Amino acid sequence: MSESGREISMEEAQEGMVLARVLSDAGGAVLLAQGAILTAANLTALRRRNVERCHIVAEEVTDPAAQAHAEQERLHRLARLAVLFRATPPDSAGAELLALLQRYRQGSGA
């Protein structure tokens, strides 16, 4: 993980954010490692220790054209699966494979 990201105040920090850099106290002791996910408990502890700022992984800004292209490509791949498995009987291992591949292509995992 790179040390990029953006610096925010602890008031802005929220559960689920990921640290882009090691978070140390004033004495240099490591409080949280780079890549740590902020939780309610560690946010409370950090605020109690008067930690004022942290660096979080910046959220990606998605390009609408790239998003549209990715969606078009996903639909194309799903259509290709339908063609490849068009002769597959519904109660076969091939049908199960098709269902798994479709879920994978739709981004919902297997």
N, C-alpha and C. Protein backbone atom coordinates (compact mmCIF):
# COMPACT_ATOMS: atom_id res chain seq x y z
N MET A 1 0.86 -1.18 0.00
CA MET A 1 0.00 0.00 0.00
C MET A 1 0.89 1.22 0.00
N SER A 2 0.59 2.19 -0.79
CA SER A 2 1.40 3.39 -0.86
C SER A 2 1.05 4.32 0.28
N GLU A 3 1.89 5.34 0.46
CA GLU A 3 1.63 6.31 1.50
C GLU A 3 0.84 7.49 0.96
N SER A 4 0.10 7.28 -0.09
CA SER A 4 -0.73 8.35 -0.61
C SER A 4 -2.00 8.40 0.22
N GLY A 5 -2.84 9.29 -0.12
CA GLY A 5 -4.08 9.44 0.62
C GLY A 5 -4.30 10.90 0.93
N ARG A 6 -5.27 11.11 1.78
CA ARG A 6 -5.52 12.51 2.16
C ARG A 6 -5.58 12.61 3.67
N GLU A 7 -5.13 13.75 4.15
CA GLU A 7 -5.12 13.99 5.58
C GLU A 7 -6.46 14.56 6.01
N ILE A 8 -6.99 14.02 7.11
CA ILE A 8 -8.26 14.50 7.64
C ILE A 8 -8.13 14.68 9.14
N SER A 9 -9.04 15.45 9.71
CA SER A 9 -9.08 15.60 11.16
C SER A 9 -9.79 14.39 11.76
N MET A 10 -9.56 14.15 13.03
CA MET A 10 -10.21 13.01 13.69
C MET A 10 -11.72 13.22 13.76
N GLU A 11 -12.19 14.46 13.70
CA GLU A 11 -13.64 14.70 13.66
C GLU A 11 -14.25 14.18 12.36
N GLU A 12 -13.46 14.20 11.28
CA GLU A 12 -13.94 13.71 9.98
C GLU A 12 -13.81 12.19 9.85
N ALA A 13 -12.93 11.59 10.65
CA ALA A 13 -12.68 10.16 10.55
C ALA A 13 -13.93 9.37 10.90
N GLN A 14 -14.17 8.30 10.15
CA GLN A 14 -15.35 7.46 10.34
C GLN A 14 -14.95 6.00 10.32
N GLU A 15 -15.80 5.18 10.92
CA GLU A 15 -15.60 3.74 10.90
C GLU A 15 -15.51 3.27 9.45
N GLY A 16 -14.62 2.31 9.22
CA GLY A 16 -14.49 1.73 7.89
C GLY A 16 -13.44 2.39 7.03
N MET A 17 -12.99 3.59 7.39
CA MET A 17 -11.93 4.23 6.62
C MET A 17 -10.63 3.45 6.83
N VAL A 18 -9.75 3.50 5.82
CA VAL A 18 -8.48 2.77 5.86
C VAL A 18 -7.34 3.76 5.96
N LEU A 19 -6.41 3.49 6.88
CA LEU A 19 -5.26 4.37 7.06
C LEU A 19 -4.28 4.22 5.91
N ALA A 20 -3.85 5.34 5.36
CA ALA A 20 -2.89 5.34 4.27
C ALA A 20 -1.46 5.38 4.80
N ARG A 21 -1.29 5.77 6.06
CA ARG A 21 0.03 5.84 6.69
C ARG A 21 -0.06 5.30 8.11
N VAL A 22 1.09 4.94 8.64
CA VAL A 22 1.17 4.52 10.04
C VAL A 22 0.72 5.71 10.90
N LEU A 23 -0.05 5.43 11.93
CA LEU A 23 -0.51 6.48 12.83
C LEU A 23 0.28 6.35 14.13
N SER A 24 1.07 7.40 14.44
CA SER A 24 1.93 7.39 15.62
C SER A 24 1.52 8.49 16.58
N ASP A 25 1.87 8.30 17.84
CA ASP A 25 1.62 9.37 18.81
C ASP A 25 2.77 10.36 18.77
N ALA A 26 2.72 11.39 19.63
CA ALA A 26 3.74 12.44 19.63
C ALA A 26 5.13 11.89 19.93
N GLY A 27 5.19 10.79 20.69
CA GLY A 27 6.48 10.19 21.02
C GLY A 27 7.01 9.24 19.97
N GLY A 28 6.25 9.00 18.91
CA GLY A 28 6.68 8.13 17.84
C GLY A 28 6.21 6.69 17.96
N ALA A 29 5.48 6.38 19.03
CA ALA A 29 4.96 5.02 19.20
C ALA A 29 3.83 4.78 18.19
N VAL A 30 3.88 3.63 17.55
CA VAL A 30 2.86 3.29 16.55
C VAL A 30 1.55 2.96 17.26
N LEU A 31 0.50 3.69 16.88
CA LEU A 31 -0.83 3.44 17.43
C LEU A 31 -1.62 2.50 16.54
N LEU A 32 -1.55 2.73 15.23
CA LEU A 32 -2.23 1.88 14.25
C LEU A 32 -1.34 1.76 13.02
N ALA A 33 -1.32 0.58 12.43
CA ALA A 33 -0.49 0.32 11.26
C ALA A 33 -1.12 0.87 9.99
N GLN A 34 -0.29 1.08 9.00
CA GLN A 34 -0.77 1.45 7.67
C GLN A 34 -1.68 0.34 7.18
N GLY A 35 -2.84 0.69 6.63
CA GLY A 35 -3.78 -0.29 6.13
C GLY A 35 -4.83 -0.70 7.15
N ALA A 36 -4.68 -0.22 8.40
CA ALA A 36 -5.67 -0.56 9.43
C ALA A 36 -7.01 0.08 9.09
N ILE A 37 -8.06 -0.64 9.40
CA ILE A 37 -9.42 -0.13 9.18
C ILE A 37 -9.89 0.48 10.49
N LEU A 38 -10.35 1.72 10.42
CA LEU A 38 -10.80 2.41 11.63
C LEU A 38 -12.11 1.80 12.14
N THR A 39 -12.15 1.58 13.44
CA THR A 39 -13.34 1.05 14.10
C THR A 39 -13.81 2.07 15.12
N ALA A 40 -15.00 1.88 15.64
CA ALA A 40 -15.53 2.78 16.67
C ALA A 40 -14.62 2.78 17.89
N ALA A 41 -14.13 1.60 18.26
CA ALA A 41 -13.27 1.49 19.45
C ALA A 41 -11.96 2.23 19.26
N ASN A 42 -11.29 2.03 18.10
CA ASN A 42 -10.01 2.72 17.97
C ASN A 42 -10.18 4.21 17.70
N LEU A 43 -11.28 4.63 17.11
CA LEU A 43 -11.54 6.07 16.98
C LEU A 43 -11.70 6.72 18.35
N THR A 44 -12.43 6.06 19.23
CA THR A 44 -12.60 6.57 20.59
C THR A 44 -11.26 6.66 21.30
N ALA A 45 -10.44 5.61 21.18
CA ALA A 45 -9.13 5.58 21.83
C ALA A 45 -8.21 6.67 21.26
N LEU A 46 -8.23 6.86 19.96
CA LEU A 46 -7.39 7.88 19.34
C LEU A 46 -7.81 9.28 19.79
N ARG A 47 -9.08 9.52 19.85
CA ARG A 47 -9.56 10.84 20.31
C ARG A 47 -9.20 11.06 21.77
N ARG A 48 -9.27 9.99 22.56
CA ARG A 48 -8.92 10.09 23.97
C ARG A 48 -7.43 10.43 24.13
N ARG A 49 -6.60 9.97 23.20
CA ARG A 49 -5.16 10.25 23.23
C ARG A 49 -4.84 11.58 22.57
N ASN A 50 -5.85 12.33 22.20
CA ASN A 50 -5.70 13.66 21.59
C ASN A 50 -4.99 13.62 20.23
N VAL A 51 -5.18 12.51 19.50
CA VAL A 51 -4.69 12.46 18.12
C VAL A 51 -5.61 13.38 17.32
N GLU A 52 -5.02 14.30 16.59
CA GLU A 52 -5.81 15.30 15.89
C GLU A 52 -6.06 14.99 14.42
N ARG A 53 -5.09 14.31 13.76
CA ARG A 53 -5.22 14.10 12.32
C ARG A 53 -4.72 12.71 11.94
N CYS A 54 -5.18 12.22 10.79
CA CYS A 54 -4.69 10.96 10.24
C CYS A 54 -4.77 11.03 8.72
N HIS A 55 -4.05 10.14 8.07
CA HIS A 55 -4.08 10.03 6.61
C HIS A 55 -4.90 8.80 6.24
N ILE A 56 -5.92 8.99 5.42
CA ILE A 56 -6.75 7.87 4.99
C ILE A 56 -6.57 7.65 3.50
N VAL A 57 -6.85 6.42 3.08
CA VAL A 57 -6.79 6.10 1.65
C VAL A 57 -7.87 6.92 0.95
N ALA A 58 -7.46 7.64 -0.08
CA ALA A 58 -8.40 8.48 -0.81
C ALA A 58 -9.36 7.61 -1.60
N GLU A 59 -10.61 7.98 -1.59
CA GLU A 59 -11.60 7.27 -2.38
C GLU A 59 -11.40 7.62 -3.84
N GLU A 60 -11.52 6.60 -4.68
CA GLU A 60 -11.34 6.82 -6.11
C GLU A 60 -12.52 7.58 -6.69
N VAL A 61 -12.21 8.56 -7.51
CA VAL A 61 -13.24 9.27 -8.24
C VAL A 61 -13.40 8.56 -9.57
N THR A 62 -14.59 8.03 -9.82
CA THR A 62 -14.78 7.25 -11.03
C THR A 62 -15.21 8.13 -12.19
N ASP A 63 -14.67 7.82 -13.33
CA ASP A 63 -14.99 8.51 -14.57
C ASP A 63 -16.29 7.92 -15.11
N PRO A 64 -17.33 8.75 -15.33
CA PRO A 64 -18.60 8.22 -15.84
C PRO A 64 -18.45 7.48 -17.17
N ALA A 65 -17.57 7.94 -18.04
CA ALA A 65 -17.37 7.26 -19.32
C ALA A 65 -16.73 5.89 -19.11
N ALA A 66 -15.78 5.81 -18.19
CA ALA A 66 -15.14 4.53 -17.90
C ALA A 66 -16.14 3.58 -17.24
N GLN A 67 -16.99 4.12 -16.38
CA GLN A 67 -18.01 3.30 -15.74
C GLN A 67 -18.99 2.75 -16.78
N ALA A 68 -19.41 3.57 -17.72
CA ALA A 68 -20.34 3.14 -18.77
C ALA A 68 -19.69 2.08 -19.65
N HIS A 69 -18.41 2.27 -19.95
CA HIS A 69 -17.69 1.29 -20.76
C HIS A 69 -17.59 -0.05 -20.02
N ALA A 70 -17.28 -0.01 -18.74
CA ALA A 70 -17.18 -1.23 -17.93
C ALA A 70 -18.51 -1.95 -17.88
N GLU A 71 -19.60 -1.21 -17.74
CA GLU A 71 -20.94 -1.82 -17.71
C GLU A 71 -21.26 -2.45 -19.06
N GLN A 72 -20.92 -1.78 -20.13
CA GLN A 72 -21.17 -2.31 -21.47
C GLN A 72 -20.36 -3.60 -21.68
N GLU A 73 -19.13 -3.61 -21.22
CA GLU A 73 -18.28 -4.80 -21.34
C GLU A 73 -18.85 -5.95 -20.51
N ARG A 74 -19.34 -5.66 -19.31
CA ARG A 74 -19.94 -6.68 -18.45
C ARG A 74 -21.15 -7.31 -19.12
N LEU A 75 -22.01 -6.49 -19.71
CA LEU A 75 -23.20 -6.98 -20.40
C LEU A 75 -22.81 -7.83 -21.62
N HIS A 76 -21.78 -7.40 -22.33
CA HIS A 76 -21.29 -8.16 -23.48
C HIS A 76 -20.83 -9.55 -23.05
N ARG A 77 -20.10 -9.62 -21.94
CA ARG A 77 -19.60 -10.91 -21.46
C ARG A 77 -20.73 -11.82 -20.99
N LEU A 78 -21.74 -11.24 -20.37
CA LEU A 78 -22.91 -12.04 -19.97
C LEU A 78 -23.64 -12.60 -21.20
N ALA A 79 -23.76 -11.77 -22.23
CA ALA A 79 -24.40 -12.22 -23.46
C ALA A 79 -23.58 -13.33 -24.11
N ARG A 80 -22.26 -13.21 -24.06
CA ARG A 80 -21.38 -14.23 -24.63
C ARG A 80 -21.56 -15.57 -23.90
N LEU A 81 -21.71 -15.52 -22.57
CA LEU A 81 -21.96 -16.74 -21.81
C LEU A 81 -23.26 -17.41 -22.27
N ALA A 82 -24.28 -16.61 -22.50
CA ALA A 82 -25.56 -17.16 -22.94
C ALA A 82 -25.41 -17.89 -24.27
N VAL A 83 -24.59 -17.34 -25.16
CA VAL A 83 -24.35 -17.99 -26.45
C VAL A 83 -23.57 -19.28 -26.26
N LEU A 84 -22.53 -19.24 -25.45
CA LEU A 84 -21.69 -20.41 -25.23
C LEU A 84 -22.44 -21.57 -24.58
N PHE A 85 -23.40 -21.26 -23.73
CA PHE A 85 -24.13 -22.29 -22.99
C PHE A 85 -25.55 -22.49 -23.51
N ARG A 86 -25.83 -22.05 -24.72
CA ARG A 86 -27.20 -22.08 -25.25
C ARG A 86 -27.79 -23.49 -25.34
N ALA A 87 -26.97 -24.51 -25.54
CA ALA A 87 -27.48 -25.88 -25.68
C ALA A 87 -27.37 -26.68 -24.38
N THR A 88 -27.09 -26.01 -23.30
CA THR A 88 -26.90 -26.70 -22.02
C THR A 88 -28.26 -27.04 -21.39
N PRO A 89 -28.48 -28.32 -21.05
CA PRO A 89 -29.74 -28.70 -20.38
C PRO A 89 -29.84 -28.01 -19.02
N PRO A 90 -31.06 -27.63 -18.61
CA PRO A 90 -31.24 -26.86 -17.37
C PRO A 90 -30.79 -27.57 -16.10
N ASP A 91 -30.88 -28.88 -16.03
CA ASP A 91 -30.54 -29.61 -14.81
C ASP A 91 -29.20 -30.32 -14.93
N SER A 92 -28.22 -29.67 -15.53
CA SER A 92 -26.93 -30.31 -15.75
C SER A 92 -25.83 -29.57 -15.00
N ALA A 93 -24.67 -30.21 -14.97
CA ALA A 93 -23.50 -29.55 -14.37
C ALA A 93 -23.14 -28.29 -15.15
N GLY A 94 -23.38 -28.32 -16.46
CA GLY A 94 -23.12 -27.14 -17.29
C GLY A 94 -23.98 -25.96 -16.89
N ALA A 95 -25.22 -26.23 -16.50
CA ALA A 95 -26.12 -25.17 -16.06
C ALA A 95 -25.64 -24.57 -14.74
N GLU A 96 -25.11 -25.44 -13.87
CA GLU A 96 -24.55 -24.94 -12.61
C GLU A 96 -23.32 -24.08 -12.87
N LEU A 97 -22.49 -24.52 -13.80
CA LEU A 97 -21.31 -23.74 -14.18
C LEU A 97 -21.73 -22.39 -14.75
N LEU A 98 -22.72 -22.38 -15.61
CA LEU A 98 -23.22 -21.14 -16.18
C LEU A 98 -23.69 -20.19 -15.08
N ALA A 99 -24.44 -20.70 -14.12
CA ALA A 99 -24.92 -19.85 -13.02
C ALA A 99 -23.76 -19.25 -12.23
N LEU A 100 -22.74 -20.06 -11.97
CA LEU A 100 -21.56 -19.55 -11.26
C LEU A 100 -20.84 -18.47 -12.06
N LEU A 101 -20.68 -18.72 -13.35
CA LEU A 101 -20.01 -17.74 -14.20
C LEU A 101 -20.81 -16.44 -14.30
N GLN A 102 -22.13 -16.55 -14.38
CA GLN A 102 -22.95 -15.35 -14.44
C GLN A 102 -22.84 -14.53 -13.16
N ARG A 103 -22.86 -15.22 -12.01
CA ARG A 103 -22.71 -14.50 -10.73
C ARG A 103 -21.34 -13.83 -10.66
N TYR A 104 -20.32 -14.53 -11.14
CA TYR A 104 -18.97 -13.96 -11.15
C TYR A 104 -18.93 -12.73 -12.04
N ARG A 105 -19.48 -12.82 -13.24
CA ARG A 105 -19.48 -11.69 -14.17
C ARG A 105 -20.29 -10.50 -13.66
N GLN A 106 -21.31 -10.78 -12.84
CA GLN A 106 -22.13 -9.70 -12.30
C GLN A 106 -21.49 -9.08 -11.07
N GLY A 107 -20.39 -9.66 -10.61
CA GLY A 107 -19.68 -9.08 -9.49
C GLY A 107 -20.17 -9.51 -8.13
N SER A 108 -21.02 -10.54 -8.06
CA SER A 108 -21.54 -10.96 -6.77
C SER A 108 -20.80 -12.18 -6.23
N GLY A 109 -19.70 -12.58 -6.86
CA GLY A 109 -18.91 -13.70 -6.40
C GLY A 109 -19.56 -15.02 -6.73
N ALA A 110 -18.98 -16.10 -6.23
CA ALA A 110 -19.52 -17.42 -6.53
C ALA A 110 -20.07 -18.07 -5.29
